[in-house]
Amino acid sequence: MAGWLSGCGGAGAGLVALVDAATDLVLPRECAGCTAAGPLLCPGCRRDLGGPARPVPAVAVPLPVLAVAPYAGTVRATLLAHKEQGRLGLAGPLGGALARAVRPLAGPHGVVLVPVPSRPSSVRARGHDATLRLARRAARELGARGAPALVRPALRLARATADQAGLTAGERAANLAGAMVARVPRGRNWSDGRLPLVVVDDVVTTGATLTEAVRALRAAGVQPAGAAVVAATLRRSPVRTVEEPGGLD
């Protein structure tokens, strides 16, 4: 049910919130980040998600990329619990973290969020689209704080792609090259520049997914202002950059 509702807008978004809350009640009462007994996410693990938006040195992505946390430790565990374990109540704190990453890229009138598409097989297996869910929760958080946000799932996969896990940076780039297309309707909030467009995802590891998303949007005549993610995989070498082990997994 939650997976079906994740594709709905309006009243569906409210029902998704109820499903999230109900899911939290029936799942084991332990923190998703550190496994301590207690709430779905303990205060300490919430603080790990509470950092300010910081630029990610993702040289492979031709636009600014912002994240609020490194993809490690409790943050990694929390993201995986939301995506892989169906702990949908985590969409709230994770969506709030994504909203903070988006905020510096928003304009005075708001922002358009374009989530990176997930592979259909992944959505079917999990029963929900984790990235789309986080984008919608981020939009709610931004709106509540005076920055109206629209979610536009304009990107889709034009061909099959391999699982990104375990691929090198070069292999990821080759796997995704030309894989996305954008369907962008002409009109205000899209092509006239009134609202900046931000590509959103959960994690950035090498930059391949975000780079392909930007390429597809530009090919459709839209110039994104940047990209925002919850967390970034940190690399020791400044040449090796960062993108998600999610999104297209």
Foldseek 3Di string as FASTA:
>chain_A
DLAVLLVDDDVSLVVNLVVLVVLQVPDQQADQQPRHHHGVHDPVLLVQLVAAWDWFLQVLAPATETARHACDGSLVSLLCCVQPVVNVNSLQSLLCSQLRNCVVLKDLAAAEEAEQAEDPVSCVVRSHGSRSSSPVNVQVNCVVVPHHYHYDPFKDFPDDFDQPPPDDLVRLLVRLVVGMAGDFDDDPPFQPPPIAYEYEDAEWAQCNRVNSVQVRSVVVVGHHNYYYHHHWHDDPDSVRGIYDSGSHD
